[in-house]
Amino acid sequence: MLNIIRVPSETGDKCQLLFVAAALGNTRFLVELLRLSPELLWKKDNNEHTIFHVAVLHRQENVYNLIYEIGSGKDIITSSRDSDGNSILHLAAMKPEQSRLHAVSGVALQMQRELLWFKEIETVVHPSLREMKNKQGKTPQDLFTEQHAELMEKGETWMKDTAAQCMVVAALIATMTFAAAFTLPGGTNGDNGQPIFKDRSAFIVFIITDAVSLFSSSASILMFLAILTARYAENDFLVSLPLKLMIGLLTLFISIATMMIVFSASFFLAYTKGVKWVPYLISFLAGLPVVMFAALLYPLFFSVVRSTYGSRHLFKPTKHVLY
């Protein structure tokens, strides 16, 4: 088995380019360079970092994923320590530069991405390295908690602010749809108490969508309440909190859309005579807020979904690019 070779201070241009490319995430250049000079895979810089250590430090997942193509050499790479006694897991515990953090929008999702990196490196290192201390006497978990305390606090604030604002909207919708269920269009028959328009198709639409709006807004309230009352442990940012936010946003959108359908259906019931195009115009106008809300909600919702479920394919690629 090859020994890891340390690069001396007079490192050639080729080695220097190797570590710069790893830091910048230039996988294509790295692959071509390593194909020409496979021995560069084992080189170390002045900080005792291989290209994989540099990739982890700068959160370059495409470069890091090359580690799955070197076979048993992965164990040698992951067991090495740098000049400060840091293992590759310690490097994953360190907070990266702001430019790499901002690759993901939203501080809560940034915290989630940092946890994903830490958990990923935990799976590839030897179990003994998880509790190994560096020269400062800190384990990887100690270092992660220390360096991400501020990010975690900001993530909690962001989550709570988002949940509180959305919860107000959901509560208003629940109030209106609950009241609409007892204020039926056209009223009721004084003799038997049955709704006057009970046989109209628009009335059936009114009742069903009002119930859906009430239930979905109530579910949305519960999800946002769960976010506000969460304990906000580190691992909560991994799946629990993003999942609750996704469900809350989705049910909030459903409640708004169905509330507008309730509003439109009531006009179809009220304007049974007279100008026939009025209900259609009202329905069209009622759809505009739904479209606007969807346009505003989509970036946040898509970011949460992509960060939570798209990140499953962040590591361990199925396609080999090195050999």
Protein backbone atom coordinates (compact mmCIF):
# COMPACT_ATOMS: atom_id res chain seq x y z
CA MET A 1 0.00 0.00 0.00
CA LEU A 2 1.22 3.45 -0.90
CA ASN A 3 2.30 5.71 1.92
CA ILE A 4 0.87 9.21 2.04
CA ILE A 5 3.58 11.57 0.82
CA ARG A 6 3.95 15.01 2.29
CA VAL A 7 4.53 17.83 -0.21
CA PRO A 8 7.64 19.86 0.72
CA SER A 9 7.65 23.64 0.80
CA GLU A 10 9.08 23.78 -2.74
CA THR A 11 6.02 22.03 -4.17
CA GLY A 12 5.77 22.11 -7.94
CA ASP A 13 3.07 23.92 -9.87
CA LYS A 14 1.24 20.69 -10.49
CA CYS A 15 0.78 19.98 -6.77
CA GLN A 16 -0.16 23.56 -6.04
CA LEU A 17 -2.84 23.44 -8.73
CA LEU A 18 -4.08 20.18 -7.23
CA PHE A 19 -5.03 21.75 -3.90
CA VAL A 20 -6.37 24.95 -5.47
CA ALA A 21 -8.63 22.88 -7.71
CA ALA A 22 -9.82 20.85 -4.72
CA ALA A 23 -10.66 24.01 -2.77
CA LEU A 24 -12.56 25.50 -5.71
CA GLY A 25 -14.39 22.27 -6.54
CA ASN A 26 -12.93 21.95 -10.05
CA THR A 27 -13.57 18.22 -10.33
CA ARG A 28 -13.03 17.99 -14.07
CA PHE A 29 -9.53 19.49 -13.84
CA LEU A 30 -8.70 17.28 -10.84
CA VAL A 31 -9.78 14.12 -12.64
CA GLU A 32 -7.63 14.92 -15.67
CA LEU A 33 -4.66 15.74 -13.44
CA LEU A 34 -5.03 12.55 -11.41
CA ARG A 35 -5.33 10.44 -14.53
CA LEU A 36 -2.02 11.84 -15.75
CA SER A 37 -0.33 11.57 -12.34
CA PRO A 38 -2.16 9.10 -10.06
CA GLU A 39 0.47 9.54 -7.33
CA LEU A 40 -0.87 13.06 -6.69
CA LEU A 41 -3.83 11.44 -4.97
CA TRP A 42 -1.62 10.80 -1.94
CA LYS A 43 0.05 14.19 -1.76
CA LYS A 44 -0.28 16.44 1.27
CA ASP A 45 -0.01 20.21 1.52
CA ASN A 46 1.82 22.18 4.21
CA ASN A 47 -1.10 21.66 6.61
CA GLU A 48 -0.90 17.87 6.14
CA HIS A 49 -4.14 17.90 4.12
CA THR A 50 -4.85 15.66 1.16
CA ILE A 51 -7.23 16.82 -1.57
CA PHE A 52 -10.03 15.06 0.32
CA HIS A 53 -9.29 16.99 3.50
CA VAL A 54 -9.31 20.20 1.46
CA ALA A 55 -12.60 19.19 -0.18
CA VAL A 56 -14.23 18.58 3.21
CA LEU A 57 -12.87 21.82 4.63
CA HIS A 58 -14.29 23.80 1.69
CA ARG A 59 -17.46 21.67 1.38
CA GLN A 60 -16.80 20.54 -2.18
CA GLU A 61 -18.91 17.40 -2.40
CA ASN A 62 -18.00 16.55 -6.01
CA VAL A 63 -14.31 16.43 -5.13
CA TYR A 64 -14.95 14.56 -1.88
CA ASN A 65 -16.99 11.90 -3.71
CA LEU A 66 -13.85 10.78 -5.51
CA ILE A 67 -12.92 9.06 -2.23
CA TYR A 68 -15.41 6.31 -3.10
CA GLU A 69 -13.35 5.44 -6.18
CA ILE A 70 -10.02 4.70 -4.48
CA GLY A 71 -10.99 1.46 -2.76
CA SER A 72 -9.14 0.57 0.43
CA GLY A 73 -7.06 3.72 0.10
CA LYS A 74 -10.03 5.50 1.62
CA ASP A 75 -9.12 4.07 5.04
CA ILE A 76 -5.61 5.52 4.86
CA ILE A 77 -6.90 8.93 3.81
CA THR A 78 -9.56 9.14 6.52
CA SER A 79 -7.23 7.96 9.30
CA SER A 80 -4.56 10.62 8.72
CA ARG A 81 -4.35 13.72 10.92
CA ASP A 82 -3.13 17.21 10.10
CA SER A 83 -0.53 19.39 11.82
CA ASP A 84 -3.06 20.45 14.48
CA GLY A 85 -4.07 16.89 15.26
CA ASN A 86 -7.36 17.25 13.39
CA SER A 87 -8.84 14.24 11.67
CA ILE A 88 -10.98 14.61 8.57
CA LEU A 89 -14.00 14.50 10.91
CA HIS A 90 -12.64 17.52 12.79
CA LEU A 91 -12.46 19.35 9.46
CA ALA A 92 -16.08 18.47 8.77
CA ALA A 93 -16.94 19.91 12.18
CA MET A 94 -15.37 23.26 11.31
CA LYS A 95 -17.59 26.02 9.97
CA PRO A 96 -16.67 26.78 6.33
CA GLU A 97 -16.29 30.21 4.78
CA GLN A 98 -19.46 32.25 4.23
CA SER A 99 -19.42 31.77 0.46
CA ARG A 100 -19.83 28.02 0.91
CA LEU A 101 -22.49 28.41 3.58
CA HIS A 102 -24.50 30.68 1.29
CA ALA A 103 -24.60 27.97 -1.36
CA VAL A 104 -27.78 27.00 0.51
CA SER A 105 -30.42 29.66 1.19
CA GLY A 106 -31.74 30.12 4.73
CA VAL A 107 -29.72 29.68 7.90
CA ALA A 108 -31.78 26.68 9.03
CA LEU A 109 -31.03 24.88 5.76
CA GLN A 110 -27.38 25.88 6.07
CA MET A 111 -27.33 24.20 9.47
CA GLN A 112 -28.97 21.16 7.90
CA ARG A 113 -26.28 20.98 5.21
CA GLU A 114 -23.53 21.24 7.82
CA LEU A 115 -25.09 18.33 9.73
CA LEU A 116 -25.29 16.30 6.53
CA TRP A 117 -21.57 16.80 5.95
CA PHE A 118 -20.71 15.85 9.53
CA LYS A 119 -22.89 12.72 9.44
CA GLU A 120 -21.43 11.71 6.08
CA ILE A 121 -17.83 11.90 7.28
CA GLU A 122 -18.82 9.99 10.43
CA THR A 123 -19.82 7.06 8.23
CA VAL A 124 -16.46 6.82 6.44
CA VAL A 125 -14.04 7.24 9.36
CA HIS A 126 -13.10 4.49 11.80
CA PRO A 127 -15.36 4.55 14.90
CA SER A 128 -12.35 5.30 17.12
CA LEU A 129 -11.83 8.63 15.31
CA ARG A 130 -15.25 9.89 16.35
CA GLU A 131 -14.04 10.43 19.91
CA MET A 132 -10.43 11.27 19.11
CA LYS A 133 -9.27 14.66 20.38
CA ASN A 134 -7.11 17.16 18.51
CA LYS A 135 -4.23 19.14 20.03
CA GLN A 136 -6.75 21.52 21.62
CA GLY A 137 -8.35 18.58 23.42
CA LYS A 138 -11.61 18.72 21.44
CA THR A 139 -13.49 15.86 19.90
CA PRO A 140 -15.16 16.37 16.49
CA GLN A 141 -18.57 16.70 18.16
CA ASP A 142 -17.23 19.29 20.62
CA LEU A 143 -15.77 21.28 17.75
CA PHE A 144 -18.97 21.07 15.70
CA THR A 145 -21.13 22.29 18.58
CA GLU A 146 -18.74 25.15 19.35
CA GLN A 147 -18.32 26.40 15.80
CA HIS A 148 -21.98 26.09 14.83
CA ALA A 149 -23.54 27.59 17.96
CA GLU A 150 -24.21 30.94 16.28
CA LEU A 151 -25.54 29.34 13.10
CA MET A 152 -27.82 27.10 15.15
CA GLU A 153 -29.17 30.10 17.08
CA LYS A 154 -29.84 32.01 13.87
CA GLY A 155 -31.48 28.92 12.39
CA GLU A 156 -33.81 28.66 15.36
CA THR A 157 -34.76 32.34 15.03
CA TRP A 158 -35.38 31.97 11.28
CA MET A 159 -37.55 28.89 11.80
CA LYS A 160 -39.60 30.50 14.55
CA ASP A 161 -40.11 33.76 12.66
CA THR A 162 -41.23 31.91 9.53
CA ALA A 163 -43.56 29.65 11.50
CA ALA A 164 -45.07 32.53 13.49
CA GLN A 165 -45.86 34.58 10.38
CA CYS A 166 -47.40 31.65 8.53
CA MET A 167 -49.34 30.59 11.61
CA VAL A 168 -51.14 33.96 11.72
CA VAL A 169 -52.35 33.47 8.13
CA ALA A 170 -53.43 29.88 8.83
CA ALA A 171 -55.35 30.96 11.94
CA LEU A 172 -57.23 33.64 9.98
CA ILE A 173 -58.19 31.13 7.30
CA ALA A 174 -59.36 28.61 9.90
CA THR A 175 -61.52 31.29 11.54
CA MET A 176 -63.14 32.34 8.26
CA THR A 177 -63.79 28.82 6.98
CA PHE A 178 -65.23 27.75 10.33
CA ALA A 179 -67.63 30.70 10.24
CA ALA A 180 -68.54 29.99 6.60
CA ALA A 181 -69.72 26.50 7.54
CA PHE A 182 -72.48 28.05 9.69
CA THR A 183 -73.30 30.92 7.32
CA LEU A 184 -74.51 29.01 4.28
CA PRO A 185 -75.26 30.87 1.03
CA GLY A 186 -79.02 31.37 0.66
CA GLY A 187 -79.70 30.36 4.25
CA THR A 188 -81.83 27.41 5.35
CA ASN A 189 -85.41 26.37 4.89
CA GLY A 190 -87.48 27.59 7.84
CA ASP A 191 -89.64 24.46 7.85
CA ASN A 192 -87.01 21.70 7.96
CA GLY A 193 -83.75 23.59 8.51
CA GLN A 194 -82.21 22.18 5.32
CA PRO A 195 -79.97 24.43 3.17
CA ILE A 196 -81.95 26.03 0.37
CA PHE A 197 -79.26 25.33 -2.24
CA LYS A 198 -78.45 21.80 -1.05
CA ASP A 199 -79.23 20.29 -4.47
CA ARG A 200 -77.02 22.69 -6.41
CA SER A 201 -73.62 21.40 -7.55
CA ALA A 202 -72.01 24.70 -6.52
CA PHE A 203 -73.26 24.11 -2.98
CA ILE A 204 -71.57 20.69 -2.86
CA VAL A 205 -68.34 22.35 -4.01
CA PHE A 206 -68.82 25.02 -1.35
CA ILE A 207 -69.24 22.50 1.48
CA ILE A 208 -66.39 20.18 0.44
CA THR A 209 -63.82 22.91 -0.20
CA ASP A 210 -64.78 24.72 2.99
CA ALA A 211 -64.13 21.52 4.96
CA VAL A 212 -60.82 20.93 3.16
CA SER A 213 -59.76 24.53 3.82
CA LEU A 214 -60.64 24.24 7.51
CA PHE A 215 -58.83 20.92 7.96
CA SER A 216 -55.73 21.96 6.02
CA SER A 217 -55.45 25.30 7.83
CA SER A 218 -55.81 23.47 11.16
CA ALA A 219 -53.08 21.03 10.14
CA SER A 220 -50.92 23.97 9.12
CA ILE A 221 -51.42 25.59 12.52
CA LEU A 222 -50.38 22.38 14.26
CA MET A 223 -47.22 22.07 12.16
CA PHE A 224 -46.16 25.65 12.80
CA LEU A 225 -47.00 25.24 16.49
CA ALA A 226 -44.76 22.16 16.56
CA ILE A 227 -41.94 24.26 15.09
CA LEU A 228 -42.43 26.99 17.68
CA THR A 229 -42.38 24.52 20.57
CA ALA A 230 -39.55 22.28 19.29
CA ARG A 231 -36.52 21.72 21.53
CA TYR A 232 -34.12 22.70 18.72
CA ALA A 233 -31.46 20.07 19.25
CA GLU A 234 -28.79 19.84 16.56
CA ASN A 235 -30.30 16.77 14.90
CA ASP A 236 -33.74 18.43 14.71
CA PHE A 237 -32.40 20.55 11.85
CA LEU A 238 -31.60 17.42 9.85
CA VAL A 239 -35.13 16.16 9.06
CA SER A 240 -37.66 16.96 11.79
CA LEU A 241 -37.85 20.75 11.48
CA PRO A 242 -37.58 20.93 7.66
CA LEU A 243 -40.28 18.24 7.31
CA LYS A 244 -42.64 20.14 9.61
CA LEU A 245 -41.99 23.33 7.65
CA MET A 246 -42.71 21.55 4.36
CA ILE A 247 -46.00 20.12 5.62
CA GLY A 248 -46.97 23.46 7.15
CA LEU A 249 -46.31 25.39 3.93
CA LEU A 250 -48.07 22.81 1.76
CA THR A 251 -51.20 22.68 3.92
CA LEU A 252 -51.22 26.48 4.14
CA PHE A 253 -51.23 26.72 0.34
CA ILE A 254 -54.03 24.14 0.11
CA SER A 255 -56.10 26.08 2.65
CA ILE A 256 -55.69 29.35 0.73
CA ALA A 257 -56.53 27.73 -2.62
CA THR A 258 -59.64 25.99 -1.29
CA MET A 259 -60.73 29.13 0.57
CA MET A 260 -60.79 30.98 -2.75
CA ILE A 261 -62.83 28.15 -4.27
CA VAL A 262 -65.31 28.53 -1.38
CA PHE A 263 -65.51 32.24 -2.12
CA SER A 264 -66.10 31.60 -5.84
CA ALA A 265 -68.71 28.90 -5.21
CA SER A 266 -70.70 31.28 -3.00
CA PHE A 267 -70.94 33.74 -5.90
CA PHE A 268 -72.22 31.03 -8.24
CA LEU A 269 -74.93 30.32 -5.67
CA ALA A 270 -75.78 33.97 -5.00
CA TYR A 271 -75.93 35.11 -8.63
CA THR A 272 -78.38 32.56 -9.97
CA LYS A 273 -80.16 35.27 -11.91
CA GLY A 274 -78.94 38.38 -13.64
CA VAL A 275 -75.56 38.87 -15.28
CA LYS A 276 -74.13 35.39 -15.83
CA TRP A 277 -70.51 36.44 -16.36
CA VAL A 278 -70.15 38.02 -12.90
CA PRO A 279 -69.39 34.73 -11.03
CA TYR A 280 -66.81 33.80 -13.66
CA LEU A 281 -65.10 37.16 -13.34
CA ILE A 282 -65.07 36.84 -9.55
CA SER A 283 -63.62 33.33 -9.80
CA PHE A 284 -60.86 34.56 -12.09
CA LEU A 285 -59.99 37.40 -9.73
CA ALA A 286 -60.08 34.99 -6.76
CA GLY A 287 -57.49 32.84 -8.50
CA LEU A 288 -54.97 35.67 -8.73
CA PRO A 289 -54.05 35.67 -5.00
CA VAL A 290 -53.55 31.90 -5.18
CA VAL A 291 -51.15 32.25 -8.11
CA MET A 292 -49.32 35.12 -6.39
CA PHE A 293 -48.99 33.16 -3.14
CA ALA A 294 -47.74 30.10 -5.03
CA ALA A 295 -45.12 32.24 -6.79
CA LEU A 296 -43.96 33.69 -3.46
CA LEU A 297 -44.07 30.35 -1.63
CA TYR A 298 -42.39 28.25 -4.32
CA PRO A 299 -38.76 29.40 -3.77
CA LEU A 300 -38.89 28.65 -0.03
CA PHE A 301 -40.81 25.39 -0.41
CA PHE A 302 -38.57 24.17 -3.23
CA SER A 303 -35.44 25.05 -1.26
CA VAL A 304 -36.62 23.04 1.75
CA VAL A 305 -37.61 20.03 -0.37
CA ARG A 306 -34.39 20.09 -2.39
CA SER A 307 -32.21 20.51 0.70
CA THR A 308 -33.99 17.75 2.64
CA TYR A 309 -34.57 15.10 -0.02
CA GLY A 310 -32.27 16.16 -2.85
CA SER A 311 -29.30 16.01 -0.49
CA ARG A 312 -29.72 12.23 -0.27
CA HIS A 313 -27.81 12.11 -3.55
CA LEU A 314 -25.19 14.60 -2.40
CA PHE A 315 -22.72 11.86 -1.51
CA LYS A 316 -21.89 8.38 -2.82
CA PRO A 317 -22.43 8.97 -6.56
CA THR A 318 -23.44 6.02 -8.73
CA LYS A 319 -21.31 7.12 -11.68
CA HIS A 320 -17.52 6.85 -11.47
CA VAL A 321 -15.52 9.66 -13.04
CA LEU A 322 -11.94 8.94 -11.95
CA TYR A 323 -11.34 5.38 -13.13
